[in-house]
Amino acid sequence: MTMVIPRTGIGVDVHAYSDDPERELWVAGLNWPGERGLEGHSDSDVAAHACCDALFSAAGIGDLGQHFGVDRPEFAGASGAALLAEAARQVRAAGFEIGNVSVQVIGNRPKIGTRRLDAQQALSAAAGADVSVSGTTTDALGLTGRGEGVAAIANALVYPVARDDASVAAPRPQ
């Protein structure tokens, strides 16, 4: 009997608030009407981006910039949920299944607790796996505490999928 060893990964993302009054705020796969949007190449969904990075890290297949960076014009304006779905697809294509992802949004706004269940449903649907969402502030410290932007930190657990020959998939080197 072969023992399957899970792998963990960490992802972090930070975006500053945009000066564009027309830019919408997207965090954790949700639009937050009436909130100031974040600056970035895609929709700047820090929670979804951190989840992507955590998945890529756990599978050992690179990072957000490598897969969806500013040098990839096809991802300009892309939704965080779409990027998370693609990241999950790539992780599975690399021979892994996703156990779960946990993400914490750090900032004064938006108030994650008011829509936590919706956020968990949106990100879980995108990843095809359970995603838990939490929020915190930094007690007025740093860029998030001063209201200059929003950050997120995520952890992901993946495990290699057994192959037809009963061997366990090994991580693919980059």
C-alpha atoms as a PDB file:
ATOM      1  CA  MET A   1       0.000   0.000   0.000  1.00  0.00           C
ATOM      2  CA  THR A   2       1.388   3.382  -1.031  1.00  0.00           C
ATOM      3  CA  MET A   3       0.998   6.262   1.392  1.00  0.00           C
ATOM      4  CA  VAL A   4      -0.276   9.508  -0.134  1.00  0.00           C
ATOM      5  CA  ILE A   5       1.532  12.484   1.369  1.00  0.00           C
ATOM      6  CA  PRO A   6      -0.396  15.776   1.149  1.00  0.00           C
ATOM      7  CA  ARG A   7       1.374  18.966   0.144  1.00  0.00           C
ATOM      8  CA  THR A   8       0.692  22.475   1.428  1.00  0.00           C
ATOM      9  CA  GLY A   9       1.222  25.837  -0.183  1.00  0.00           C
ATOM     10  CA  ILE A  10       0.975  29.482   0.836  1.00  0.00           C
ATOM     11  CA  GLY A  11      -0.183  32.381  -1.286  1.00  0.00           C
ATOM     12  CA  VAL A  12      -0.214  36.122  -0.644  1.00  0.00           C
ATOM     13  CA  ASP A  13      -1.658  38.976  -2.690  1.00  0.00           C
ATOM     14  CA  VAL A  14      -1.889  42.725  -2.075  1.00  0.00           C
ATOM     15  CA  HIS A  15      -3.503  45.469  -4.158  1.00  0.00           C
ATOM     16  CA  ALA A  16      -3.767  49.211  -3.558  1.00  0.00           C
ATOM     17  CA  TYR A  17      -7.053  51.012  -3.927  1.00  0.00           C
ATOM     18  CA  SER A  18      -7.592  52.528  -7.364  1.00  0.00           C
ATOM     19  CA  ASP A  19      -7.979  56.246  -8.022  1.00  0.00           C
ATOM     20  CA  ASP A  20     -10.498  55.378 -10.757  1.00  0.00           C
ATOM     21  CA  PRO A  21     -13.988  56.014  -9.324  1.00  0.00           C
ATOM     22  CA  GLU A  22     -15.464  53.655 -11.945  1.00  0.00           C
ATOM     23  CA  ARG A  23     -13.349  50.662 -10.856  1.00  0.00           C
ATOM     24  CA  GLU A  24     -15.466  48.075  -9.023  1.00  0.00           C
ATOM     25  CA  LEU A  25     -14.307  46.177  -5.954  1.00  0.00           C
ATOM     26  CA  TRP A  26     -14.082  42.403  -6.376  1.00  0.00           C
ATOM     27  CA  VAL A  27     -12.966  40.363  -3.372  1.00  0.00           C
ATOM     28  CA  ALA A  28     -13.510  36.640  -2.737  1.00  0.00           C
ATOM     29  CA  GLY A  29     -15.358  36.181  -6.017  1.00  0.00           C
ATOM     30  CA  LEU A  30     -17.940  38.831  -5.112  1.00  0.00           C
ATOM     31  CA  ASN A  31     -18.641  42.349  -6.270  1.00  0.00           C
ATOM     32  CA  TRP A  32     -18.878  44.820  -3.386  1.00  0.00           C
ATOM     33  CA  PRO A  33     -21.084  47.701  -4.640  1.00  0.00           C
ATOM     34  CA  GLY A  34     -20.347  51.098  -3.161  1.00  0.00           C
ATOM     35  CA  GLU A  35     -16.781  50.117  -2.197  1.00  0.00           C
ATOM     36  CA  ARG A  36     -13.646  51.556  -3.802  1.00  0.00           C
ATOM     37  CA  GLY A  37     -12.041  49.213  -6.360  1.00  0.00           C
ATOM     38  CA  LEU A  38      -8.496  47.883  -6.331  1.00  0.00           C
ATOM     39  CA  GLU A  39      -5.820  48.637  -8.911  1.00  0.00           C
ATOM     40  CA  GLY A  40      -4.417  45.810 -11.001  1.00  0.00           C
ATOM     41  CA  HIS A  41      -4.094  43.865 -14.252  1.00  0.00           C
ATOM     42  CA  SER A  42      -7.175  41.710 -13.674  1.00  0.00           C
ATOM     43  CA  ASP A  43     -10.109  42.462 -11.373  1.00  0.00           C
ATOM     44  CA  SER A  44      -7.562  42.533  -8.498  1.00  0.00           C
ATOM     45  CA  ASP A  45      -9.459  40.024  -6.346  1.00  0.00           C
ATOM     46  CA  VAL A  46      -6.819  39.566  -3.634  1.00  0.00           C
ATOM     47  CA  ALA A  47      -8.588  36.573  -2.075  1.00  0.00           C
ATOM     48  CA  ALA A  48      -8.894  34.632  -5.329  1.00  0.00           C
ATOM     49  CA  HIS A  49      -5.317  35.538  -6.309  1.00  0.00           C
ATOM     50  CA  ALA A  50      -3.920  34.361  -2.968  1.00  0.00           C
ATOM     51  CA  CYS A  51      -5.848  31.083  -3.400  1.00  0.00           C
ATOM     52  CA  CYS A  52      -4.301  30.633  -6.864  1.00  0.00           C
ATOM     53  CA  ASP A  53      -0.798  31.215  -5.508  1.00  0.00           C
ATOM     54  CA  ALA A  54      -1.371  28.788  -2.633  1.00  0.00           C
ATOM     55  CA  LEU A  55      -2.518  26.089  -5.075  1.00  0.00           C
ATOM     56  CA  PHE A  56       0.412  26.676  -7.434  1.00  0.00           C
ATOM     57  CA  SER A  57       2.803  26.595  -4.460  1.00  0.00           C
ATOM     58  CA  ALA A  58       1.361  23.360  -3.066  1.00  0.00           C
ATOM     59  CA  ALA A  59       1.630  21.643  -6.446  1.00  0.00           C
ATOM     60  CA  GLY A  60       5.087  23.097  -7.110  1.00  0.00           C
ATOM     61  CA  ILE A  61       4.078  24.533 -10.478  1.00  0.00           C
ATOM     62  CA  GLY A  62       5.019  28.197 -10.217  1.00  0.00           C
ATOM     63  CA  ASP A  63       3.093  31.252  -9.127  1.00  0.00           C
ATOM     64  CA  LEU A  64       0.410  33.729 -10.123  1.00  0.00           C
ATOM     65  CA  GLY A  65       2.759  35.942 -12.108  1.00  0.00           C
ATOM     66  CA  GLN A  66       4.086  33.024 -14.124  1.00  0.00           C
ATOM     67  CA  HIS A  67       0.624  31.796 -15.086  1.00  0.00           C
ATOM     68  CA  PHE A  68      -1.442  35.018 -15.262  1.00  0.00           C
ATOM     69  CA  GLY A  69       1.070  37.901 -15.180  1.00  0.00           C
ATOM     70  CA  VAL A  70       0.940  41.314 -16.793  1.00  0.00           C
ATOM     71  CA  ASP A  71       2.863  39.873 -19.756  1.00  0.00           C
ATOM     72  CA  ARG A  72      -0.261  37.800 -20.532  1.00  0.00           C
ATOM     73  CA  PRO A  73      -2.704  40.280 -22.141  1.00  0.00           C
ATOM     74  CA  GLU A  74      -5.416  37.625 -22.388  1.00  0.00           C
ATOM     75  CA  PHE A  75      -5.840  37.901 -18.610  1.00  0.00           C
ATOM     76  CA  ALA A  76      -6.290  41.693 -18.520  1.00  0.00           C
ATOM     77  CA  GLY A  77      -9.515  42.360 -16.639  1.00  0.00           C
ATOM     78  CA  ALA A  78     -10.049  38.652 -15.887  1.00  0.00           C
ATOM     79  CA  SER A  79     -12.166  37.780 -12.880  1.00  0.00           C
ATOM     80  CA  GLY A  80     -10.460  36.281  -9.859  1.00  0.00           C
ATOM     81  CA  ALA A  81     -12.974  33.429  -9.934  1.00  0.00           C
ATOM     82  CA  ALA A  82     -12.002  32.602 -13.533  1.00  0.00           C
ATOM     83  CA  LEU A  83      -8.311  32.656 -12.600  1.00  0.00           C
ATOM     84  CA  LEU A  84      -8.977  30.405  -9.609  1.00  0.00           C
ATOM     85  CA  ALA A  85     -10.879  27.940 -11.796  1.00  0.00           C
ATOM     86  CA  GLU A  86      -7.969  27.868 -14.253  1.00  0.00           C
ATOM     87  CA  ALA A  87      -5.415  27.485 -11.442  1.00  0.00           C
ATOM     88  CA  ALA A  88      -7.403  24.541 -10.048  1.00  0.00           C
ATOM     89  CA  ARG A  89      -7.520  22.993 -13.530  1.00  0.00           C
ATOM     90  CA  GLN A  90      -3.750  23.331 -13.888  1.00  0.00           C
ATOM     91  CA  VAL A  91      -3.132  21.806 -10.446  1.00  0.00           C
ATOM     92  CA  ARG A  92      -5.320  18.843 -11.345  1.00  0.00           C
ATOM     93  CA  ALA A  93      -3.598  18.499 -14.731  1.00  0.00           C
ATOM     94  CA  ALA A  94      -0.278  18.318 -12.841  1.00  0.00           C
ATOM     95  CA  GLY A  95      -1.505  15.186 -11.029  1.00  0.00           C
ATOM     96  CA  PHE A  96      -3.007  16.600  -7.846  1.00  0.00           C
ATOM     97  CA  GLU A  97      -6.422  16.875  -6.266  1.00  0.00           C
ATOM     98  CA  ILE A  98      -7.363  19.774  -4.024  1.00  0.00           C
ATOM     99  CA  GLY A  99      -8.168  18.982  -0.401  1.00  0.00           C
ATOM    100  CA  ASN A 100      -9.123  22.502   0.639  1.00  0.00           C
ATOM    101  CA  VAL A 101      -8.065  26.131   0.583  1.00  0.00           C
ATOM    102  CA  SER A 102      -8.326  28.672   3.395  1.00  0.00           C
ATOM    103  CA  VAL A 103      -7.984  32.411   2.741  1.00  0.00           C
ATOM    104  CA  GLN A 104      -7.944  35.378   5.079  1.00  0.00           C
ATOM    105  CA  VAL A 105      -8.638  38.867   3.726  1.00  0.00           C
ATOM    106  CA  ILE A 106      -6.769  41.626   5.548  1.00  0.00           C
ATOM    107  CA  GLY A 107      -8.118  45.170   5.461  1.00  0.00           C
ATOM    108  CA  ASN A 108     -10.588  47.623   6.892  1.00  0.00           C
ATOM    109  CA  ARG A 109     -12.997  47.150   3.979  1.00  0.00           C
ATOM    110  CA  PRO A 110     -14.859  45.262   2.712  1.00  0.00           C
ATOM    111  CA  LYS A 111     -16.365  43.681   5.807  1.00  0.00           C
ATOM    112  CA  ILE A 112     -15.929  40.003   4.892  1.00  0.00           C
ATOM    113  CA  GLY A 113     -18.122  38.713   7.710  1.00  0.00           C
ATOM    114  CA  THR A 114     -21.213  40.316   6.182  1.00  0.00           C
ATOM    115  CA  ARG A 115     -20.936  38.043   3.110  1.00  0.00           C
ATOM    116  CA  ARG A 116     -18.712  35.186   4.279  1.00  0.00           C
ATOM    117  CA  LEU A 117     -21.038  32.362   3.158  1.00  0.00           C
ATOM    118  CA  ASP A 118     -21.486  33.903  -0.306  1.00  0.00           C
ATOM    119  CA  ALA A 119     -17.707  34.332  -0.589  1.00  0.00           C
ATOM    120  CA  GLN A 120     -17.076  30.727   0.420  1.00  0.00           C
ATOM    121  CA  GLN A 121     -19.641  29.502  -2.103  1.00  0.00           C
ATOM    122  CA  ALA A 122     -18.189  31.632  -4.920  1.00  0.00           C
ATOM    123  CA  LEU A 123     -14.576  30.579  -4.332  1.00  0.00           C
ATOM    124  CA  SER A 124     -15.494  26.926  -3.670  1.00  0.00           C
ATOM    125  CA  ALA A 125     -17.416  26.787  -6.951  1.00  0.00           C
ATOM    126  CA  ALA A 126     -14.453  28.264  -8.805  1.00  0.00           C
ATOM    127  CA  ALA A 127     -11.906  25.896  -7.228  1.00  0.00           C
ATOM    128  CA  GLY A 128     -14.133  22.825  -7.314  1.00  0.00           C
ATOM    129  CA  ALA A 129     -13.115  22.257  -3.685  1.00  0.00           C
ATOM    130  CA  ASP A 130     -13.917  23.639  -0.242  1.00  0.00           C
ATOM    131  CA  VAL A 131     -12.622  27.170   0.316  1.00  0.00           C
ATOM    132  CA  SER A 132     -13.030  28.813   3.716  1.00  0.00           C
ATOM    133  CA  VAL A 133     -12.907  32.597   3.988  1.00  0.00           C
ATOM    134  CA  SER A 134     -12.159  34.830   6.963  1.00  0.00           C
ATOM    135  CA  GLY A 135     -11.341  38.485   7.432  1.00  0.00           C
ATOM    136  CA  THR A 136      -9.296  40.597   9.798  1.00  0.00           C
ATOM    137  CA  THR A 137      -7.913  44.089  10.195  1.00  0.00           C
ATOM    138  CA  THR A 138      -4.438  45.199  11.220  1.00  0.00           C
ATOM    139  CA  ASP A 139      -5.531  47.610  13.960  1.00  0.00           C
ATOM    140  CA  ALA A 140      -4.662  50.690  11.852  1.00  0.00           C
ATOM    141  CA  LEU A 141      -1.133  49.426  11.115  1.00  0.00           C
ATOM    142  CA  GLY A 142       0.472  49.216   7.666  1.00  0.00           C
ATOM    143  CA  LEU A 143      -1.054  49.847   4.258  1.00  0.00           C
ATOM    144  CA  THR A 144      -4.189  47.877   5.050  1.00  0.00           C
ATOM    145  CA  GLY A 145      -4.657  49.646   8.379  1.00  0.00           C
ATOM    146  CA  ARG A 146      -4.245  53.058   6.768  1.00  0.00           C
ATOM    147  CA  GLY A 147      -6.907  52.129   4.214  1.00  0.00           C
ATOM    148  CA  GLU A 148      -4.492  52.169   1.252  1.00  0.00           C
ATOM    149  CA  GLY A 149      -5.349  48.678   0.031  1.00  0.00           C
ATOM    150  CA  VAL A 150      -6.346  45.113   0.795  1.00  0.00           C
ATOM    151  CA  ALA A 151      -4.241  41.967   1.270  1.00  0.00           C
ATOM    152  CA  ALA A 152      -4.977  38.256   1.520  1.00  0.00           C
ATOM    153  CA  ILE A 153      -3.087  35.180   2.696  1.00  0.00           C
ATOM    154  CA  ALA A 154      -4.125  31.667   1.696  1.00  0.00           C
ATOM    155  CA  ASN A 155      -3.122  28.094   2.495  1.00  0.00           C
ATOM    156  CA  ALA A 156      -3.900  25.170   0.225  1.00  0.00           C
ATOM    157  CA  LEU A 157      -3.745  21.435   0.755  1.00  0.00           C
ATOM    158  CA  VAL A 158      -3.330  19.204  -2.291  1.00  0.00           C
ATOM    159  CA  TYR A 159      -2.512  15.546  -2.618  1.00  0.00           C
ATOM    160  CA  PRO A 160      -1.126  13.483  -5.476  1.00  0.00           C
ATOM    161  CA  VAL A 161      -3.648  11.389  -7.339  1.00  0.00           C
ATOM    162  CA  ALA A 162      -2.909   7.689  -7.762  1.00  0.00           C
ATOM    163  CA  ARG A 163      -2.139   6.746 -11.366  1.00  0.00           C
ATOM    164  CA  ASP A 164      -3.622   3.769 -13.214  1.00  0.00           C
ATOM    165  CA  ASP A 165      -0.506   1.747 -12.415  1.00  0.00           C
ATOM    166  CA  ALA A 166      -1.159   2.302  -8.673  1.00  0.00           C
ATOM    167  CA  SER A 167       1.876   4.545  -8.284  1.00  0.00           C
ATOM    168  CA  VAL A 168       1.421   7.967  -6.765  1.00  0.00           C
ATOM    169  CA  ALA A 169       1.898  10.996  -8.966  1.00  0.00           C
ATOM    170  CA  ALA A 170       5.081  12.871  -8.155  1.00  0.00           C
ATOM    171  CA  PRO A 171       5.329  16.638  -8.356  1.00  0.00           C
ATOM    172  CA  ARG A 172       6.372  17.864 -11.751  1.00  0.00           C
ATOM    173  CA  PRO A 173       9.541  19.971 -11.697  1.00  0.00           C
ATOM    174  CA  GLN A 174       9.449  23.394 -13.340  1.00  0.00           C
END
